[in-house]
Amino acid sequence: MEHGGLTQPAPAPRFSATPVSVRGGPALPGADTAAVAEEWGLPGLLTTGKETTG
């Protein structure tokens, strides 16, 4: 099959039979900020003088 001057091996796949599910909503803004800062080696990035969790 040729499309736009390029030879394609087959038609594009169709995903209409693929089951769809939503596992949950997105994370809240800042929910993982402390973990990411720690992973990047920037634990002092969030030092504000008060404890936070999240």
N, C-alpha and C. Protein backbone atom coordinates (compact mmCIF):
# COMPACT_ATOMS: atom_id res chain seq x y z
N MET A 1 0.85 -1.15 0.00
CA MET A 1 0.00 0.00 0.00
C MET A 1 0.90 1.23 0.00
N GLU A 2 0.54 2.23 -0.79
CA GLU A 2 1.31 3.45 -0.84
C GLU A 2 0.46 4.61 -0.36
N HIS A 3 1.06 5.46 0.47
CA HIS A 3 0.34 6.61 1.01
C HIS A 3 1.31 7.78 1.09
N GLY A 4 1.00 8.87 0.42
CA GLY A 4 1.84 10.05 0.46
C GLY A 4 3.23 9.80 -0.09
N GLY A 5 3.36 8.91 -1.04
CA GLY A 5 4.66 8.61 -1.62
C GLY A 5 5.48 7.62 -0.83
N LEU A 6 4.97 7.16 0.30
CA LEU A 6 5.68 6.20 1.13
C LEU A 6 4.97 4.86 1.09
N THR A 7 5.74 3.80 0.97
CA THR A 7 5.16 2.47 0.98
C THR A 7 4.91 2.05 2.43
N GLN A 8 3.69 1.66 2.70
CA GLN A 8 3.30 1.22 4.03
C GLN A 8 3.11 -0.29 4.02
N PRO A 9 3.50 -0.99 5.07
CA PRO A 9 3.38 -2.45 5.08
C PRO A 9 1.94 -2.94 5.17
N ALA A 10 1.05 -2.16 5.76
CA ALA A 10 -0.34 -2.58 5.93
C ALA A 10 -1.16 -1.37 6.37
N PRO A 11 -2.47 -1.48 6.33
CA PRO A 11 -3.28 -0.38 6.85
C PRO A 11 -3.01 -0.15 8.33
N ALA A 12 -3.29 1.05 8.78
CA ALA A 12 -3.08 1.38 10.20
C ALA A 12 -3.97 0.50 11.07
N PRO A 13 -3.48 0.10 12.24
CA PRO A 13 -4.29 -0.73 13.14
C PRO A 13 -5.49 0.04 13.68
N ARG A 14 -6.52 -0.67 13.97
CA ARG A 14 -7.72 -0.06 14.56
C ARG A 14 -7.84 -0.55 15.99
N PHE A 15 -8.08 0.37 16.90
CA PHE A 15 -8.12 0.03 18.32
C PHE A 15 -9.54 0.11 18.89
N SER A 16 -10.54 0.05 18.04
CA SER A 16 -11.91 0.18 18.52
C SER A 16 -12.33 -0.97 19.44
N ALA A 17 -11.66 -2.12 19.35
CA ALA A 17 -12.01 -3.25 20.21
C ALA A 17 -11.18 -3.29 21.49
N THR A 18 -10.27 -2.33 21.65
CA THR A 18 -9.43 -2.29 22.85
C THR A 18 -10.26 -1.81 24.03
N PRO A 19 -10.27 -2.55 25.15
CA PRO A 19 -11.03 -2.11 26.31
C PRO A 19 -10.46 -0.80 26.87
N VAL A 20 -11.35 0.06 27.29
CA VAL A 20 -10.95 1.35 27.83
C VAL A 20 -11.32 1.40 29.30
N SER A 21 -10.40 1.91 30.13
CA SER A 21 -10.71 2.07 31.55
C SER A 21 -9.99 3.29 32.09
N VAL A 22 -10.56 3.87 33.11
CA VAL A 22 -9.95 5.00 33.80
C VAL A 22 -9.66 4.53 35.21
N ARG A 23 -8.39 4.54 35.59
CA ARG A 23 -7.99 4.02 36.90
C ARG A 23 -8.22 5.03 38.01
N GLY A 24 -8.16 6.27 37.71
CA GLY A 24 -8.34 7.31 38.71
C GLY A 24 -8.00 8.66 38.12
N GLY A 25 -8.25 9.69 38.87
CA GLY A 25 -7.96 11.02 38.39
C GLY A 25 -6.47 11.34 38.48
N PRO A 26 -6.10 12.49 37.98
CA PRO A 26 -4.70 12.88 38.04
C PRO A 26 -4.28 13.23 39.46
N ALA A 27 -2.99 13.21 39.70
CA ALA A 27 -2.47 13.60 41.01
C ALA A 27 -2.72 15.08 41.24
N LEU A 28 -2.87 15.46 42.49
CA LEU A 28 -3.05 16.86 42.82
C LEU A 28 -1.74 17.61 42.57
N PRO A 29 -1.81 18.87 42.18
CA PRO A 29 -0.58 19.64 41.96
C PRO A 29 0.30 19.64 43.21
N GLY A 30 1.54 19.30 43.04
CA GLY A 30 2.49 19.28 44.15
C GLY A 30 2.48 18.01 44.97
N ALA A 31 1.66 17.04 44.61
CA ALA A 31 1.54 15.82 45.41
C ALA A 31 2.86 15.05 45.48
N ASP A 32 3.66 15.09 44.44
CA ASP A 32 4.90 14.33 44.41
C ASP A 32 6.14 15.21 44.41
N THR A 33 5.97 16.49 44.70
CA THR A 33 7.09 17.43 44.63
C THR A 33 8.23 17.04 45.56
N ALA A 34 7.93 16.68 46.79
CA ALA A 34 8.98 16.32 47.75
C ALA A 34 9.74 15.07 47.29
N ALA A 35 9.02 14.08 46.80
CA ALA A 35 9.67 12.85 46.34
C ALA A 35 10.56 13.12 45.13
N VAL A 36 10.10 13.96 44.22
CA VAL A 36 10.90 14.28 43.03
C VAL A 36 12.14 15.08 43.43
N ALA A 37 11.98 16.06 44.32
CA ALA A 37 13.12 16.86 44.78
C ALA A 37 14.16 15.97 45.45
N GLU A 38 13.70 15.01 46.25
CA GLU A 38 14.62 14.08 46.91
C GLU A 38 15.34 13.21 45.88
N GLU A 39 14.60 12.72 44.89
CA GLU A 39 15.18 11.86 43.85
C GLU A 39 16.22 12.62 43.04
N TRP A 40 15.99 13.89 42.79
CA TRP A 40 16.92 14.70 42.01
C TRP A 40 18.08 15.23 42.86
N GLY A 41 18.08 14.89 44.14
CA GLY A 41 19.15 15.34 45.02
C GLY A 41 18.99 16.78 45.47
N LEU A 42 17.75 17.26 45.54
CA LEU A 42 17.46 18.63 45.95
C LEU A 42 16.53 18.67 47.16
N PRO A 43 16.84 17.94 48.23
CA PRO A 43 15.91 17.88 49.36
C PRO A 43 15.67 19.23 50.02
N GLY A 44 16.62 20.16 49.95
CA GLY A 44 16.44 21.49 50.55
C GLY A 44 15.58 22.41 49.71
N LEU A 45 15.15 21.97 48.55
CA LEU A 45 14.34 22.80 47.66
C LEU A 45 13.04 23.25 48.32
N LEU A 46 12.49 22.41 49.18
CA LEU A 46 11.19 22.71 49.79
C LEU A 46 11.31 23.23 51.21
N THR A 47 12.48 23.61 51.65
CA THR A 47 12.66 24.09 53.01
C THR A 47 11.95 25.43 53.18
N THR A 48 10.87 25.42 53.97
CA THR A 48 10.11 26.65 54.20
C THR A 48 10.00 26.96 55.67
N GLY A 49 10.49 26.07 56.52
CA GLY A 49 10.40 26.30 57.95
C GLY A 49 9.23 25.61 58.61
N LYS A 50 8.37 24.98 57.83
CA LYS A 50 7.26 24.24 58.41
C LYS A 50 7.15 22.88 57.73
N GLU A 51 6.64 21.94 58.46
CA GLU A 51 6.50 20.58 57.94
C GLU A 51 5.28 20.48 57.04
N THR A 52 5.42 19.75 55.95
CA THR A 52 4.30 19.48 55.06
C THR A 52 4.29 18.01 54.73
N THR A 53 3.15 17.49 54.41
CA THR A 53 3.03 16.11 53.95
C THR A 53 2.28 16.12 52.65
N GLY A 54 2.45 15.08 51.86
CA GLY A 54 1.68 15.08 50.65
C GLY A 54 2.27 14.22 49.65
